[in-house]
Protein backbone atom coordinates (compact mmCIF):
# COMPACT_ATOMS: atom_id res chain seq x y z
CA PHE A 1 -63.45 162.31 -255.72
CA GLY A 2 -61.27 161.63 -252.68
CA SER A 3 -63.06 158.42 -251.87
CA SER A 4 -62.49 156.85 -255.30
CA GLN A 5 -58.86 157.95 -255.22
CA GLN A 6 -58.43 156.30 -251.81
CA CYS A 7 -60.06 153.11 -253.11
CA SER A 8 -57.74 153.14 -256.09
CA MET A 9 -54.71 153.60 -253.85
CA VAL A 10 -55.87 150.78 -251.53
CA ALA A 11 -56.42 148.50 -254.52
CA SER A 12 -52.96 149.34 -255.88
CA LEU A 13 -51.42 148.72 -252.48
CA ALA A 14 -53.28 145.42 -252.13
CA THR A 15 -52.09 144.36 -255.57
CA ALA A 16 -48.51 145.27 -254.68
CA VAL A 17 -48.73 143.28 -251.44
CA LEU A 18 -50.12 140.24 -253.27
CA VAL A 19 -47.38 140.46 -255.89
CA VAL A 20 -44.73 140.64 -253.18
CA LEU A 21 -46.26 137.69 -251.31
CA LEU A 22 -46.94 135.48 -254.33
CA TRP A 23 -43.90 136.26 -256.49
CA PRO A 24 -41.46 134.06 -254.52
CA ARG A 25 -43.97 131.19 -254.69
CA ALA A 26 -44.32 131.59 -258.45
CA VAL A 27 -40.53 131.56 -258.82
CA CYS A 28 -40.31 128.53 -256.53
CA VAL A 29 -42.93 126.66 -258.56
CA LYS A 30 -41.09 127.53 -261.77
CA VAL A 31 -37.77 126.30 -260.33
CA LYS A 32 -39.43 123.12 -259.04
CA ARG A 33 -40.92 122.46 -262.48
CA GLN A 34 -37.48 122.92 -264.03
CA GLN A 35 -36.01 120.50 -261.50
CA LEU A 36 -38.73 117.98 -262.19
CA SER A 37 -38.25 118.19 -265.93
CA SER A 38 -34.49 117.75 -265.55
CA GLU A 39 -35.09 114.80 -263.18
CA GLU A 40 -37.48 113.29 -265.70
CA ALA A 41 -34.87 113.68 -268.41
CA SER A 42 -32.24 111.99 -266.26
CA ALA A 43 -34.75 109.32 -265.25
CA ASP A 44 -35.15 108.54 -268.93
CA LEU A 45 -31.45 107.72 -268.94
CA THR A 46 -30.94 106.15 -265.53
CA GLY A 47 -34.30 105.41 -263.95
CA PHE A 48 -35.17 102.36 -265.95
CA VAL A 49 -33.66 98.92 -265.65
CA GLN A 50 -32.75 97.07 -268.82
CA LYS A 51 -35.16 94.38 -269.92
CA THR A 52 -34.31 90.92 -268.71
CA ALA A 53 -35.56 87.46 -269.50
CA ALA A 54 -37.56 87.48 -266.23
CA ALA A 55 -39.57 90.58 -267.17
CA THR A 56 -40.67 92.17 -270.37
CA LYS A 57 -41.15 95.72 -269.08
CA PRO A 58 -38.62 98.09 -267.50
CA TYR A 59 -39.71 99.73 -264.26
CA GLU A 60 -39.62 103.29 -263.07
CA LEU A 61 -37.98 104.22 -259.78
CA ARG A 62 -40.79 105.32 -257.46
CA THR A 63 -39.44 105.85 -253.95
CA GLU A 64 -36.30 107.16 -252.30
CA TYR A 65 -35.52 103.55 -251.41
CA ASP A 66 -35.72 102.59 -255.11
CA TYR A 67 -33.27 105.36 -255.98
CA CYS A 68 -30.97 104.33 -253.14
CA ILE A 69 -30.93 100.66 -254.16
CA SER A 70 -30.38 101.58 -257.78
CA ASN A 71 -27.45 103.85 -256.86
CA GLU A 72 -25.97 101.31 -254.44
CA PHE A 73 -26.14 98.55 -257.06
CA ARG A 74 -24.24 100.78 -259.45
CA LEU A 75 -21.52 101.26 -256.82
CA THR A 76 -21.29 97.76 -255.31
CA PRO A 77 -20.78 94.37 -256.91
CA ASP A 78 -23.79 92.17 -257.53
CA SER A 79 -22.87 89.80 -254.73
CA ARG A 80 -23.27 92.50 -252.05
CA HIS A 81 -27.05 92.91 -252.10
CA GLN A 82 -27.30 92.71 -248.32
CA GLU A 83 -24.84 95.58 -247.85
CA ALA A 84 -26.76 97.75 -250.31
CA ALA A 85 -30.08 96.89 -248.64
CA ARG A 86 -28.63 97.71 -245.20
CA THR A 87 -27.38 101.12 -246.35
CA CYS A 88 -30.74 102.03 -247.84
CA TYR A 89 -32.64 100.64 -244.85
CA LYS A 90 -30.65 102.95 -242.57
CA ASP A 91 -31.47 105.93 -244.78
CA CYS A 92 -35.14 104.98 -244.75
CA LEU A 93 -35.21 104.59 -240.96
CA ARG A 94 -33.51 107.95 -240.49
CA ALA A 95 -36.37 109.53 -242.42
CA LYS A 96 -39.29 107.44 -241.18
CA ALA A 97 -38.44 105.93 -237.77
CA SER A 98 -40.49 108.43 -235.80
CA PHE A 99 -43.76 107.77 -237.61
CA ALA A 100 -43.61 104.77 -239.98
CA PRO A 101 -40.60 102.48 -239.54
CA ARG A 102 -42.43 99.42 -240.89
CA ILE A 103 -42.77 101.04 -244.32
CA CYS A 104 -39.01 100.63 -244.77
CA PHE A 105 -39.45 96.86 -244.87
CA ARG A 106 -42.05 97.19 -247.63
CA PHE A 107 -39.83 99.62 -249.55
CA CYS A 108 -36.93 97.18 -249.20
CA LEU A 109 -38.98 94.26 -250.50
CA ASN A 110 -40.32 96.24 -253.44
CA ALA A 111 -36.94 97.67 -254.44
CA LEU A 112 -35.20 94.28 -254.35
CA GLU A 113 -38.06 92.68 -256.24
CA ARG A 114 -37.82 95.35 -258.93
CA HIS A 115 -34.15 94.43 -259.29
CA TYR A 116 -35.03 90.73 -259.56
CA ILE A 117 -33.22 89.81 -256.34
CA ASP A 118 -34.15 86.39 -255.00
CA MET A 119 -34.58 86.07 -251.26
CA GLY A 120 -35.50 89.74 -250.88
CA ALA A 121 -37.71 88.98 -247.90
CA GLN A 122 -34.86 87.24 -246.07
CA ILE A 123 -32.42 90.02 -246.91
CA CYS A 124 -34.80 92.75 -245.75
CA ALA A 125 -35.73 90.84 -242.58
CA SER A 126 -32.05 90.41 -241.69
CA VAL A 127 -30.98 94.01 -242.36
CA CYS A 128 -33.88 95.57 -240.42
CA PRO A 129 -32.54 94.79 -236.92
CA GLU A 130 -28.99 95.63 -238.02
CA ALA A 131 -30.08 99.02 -239.36
CA ALA A 132 -32.23 99.72 -236.29
CA THR A 133 -29.41 98.84 -233.89
CA SER A 134 -26.91 100.96 -235.79
CA LEU A 135 -29.28 103.94 -235.40
CA GLN A 136 -29.83 103.12 -231.70
CA LEU A 137 -33.48 102.17 -232.24
CA ALA A 138 -35.32 99.23 -230.72
CA ASP A 139 -35.92 96.65 -233.44
CA LYS A 140 -39.44 95.72 -232.27
CA PHE A 141 -40.90 96.91 -235.59
CA CYS A 142 -38.73 94.48 -237.59
CA PRO A 143 -40.30 91.27 -238.90
CA THR A 144 -39.17 88.00 -237.40
CA ARG A 145 -36.75 86.05 -239.56
């Protein structure tokens, strides 16, 4: 009788330990799902660009760079694309300079293209060394202009 009682107590204790260990994760997953659903709801309102004559489909913001460019364009006049690209390039380099700085150029090109900005390649190529220098990085990863 003692052996089965000990097994039952060990099983109860193991269950309690698992509940204690997994409960915060379950709460975290639930909170993350709520955040995602609220982000999706806000993306329905702000994450899509209006249709233009150049394109028939709106696009969805995919990367942090896309969100940055979209936010910067809301804050700055249309004529200041280079300033917006520079700000977002700096943010990208802060996050990715240690392992993938070249991806920032690709993100820049894609984000400007999604906003139908002509000369995106020239803009991104010119802001890369400026952003790198402002963050005290060597600009050897930047494309040549």
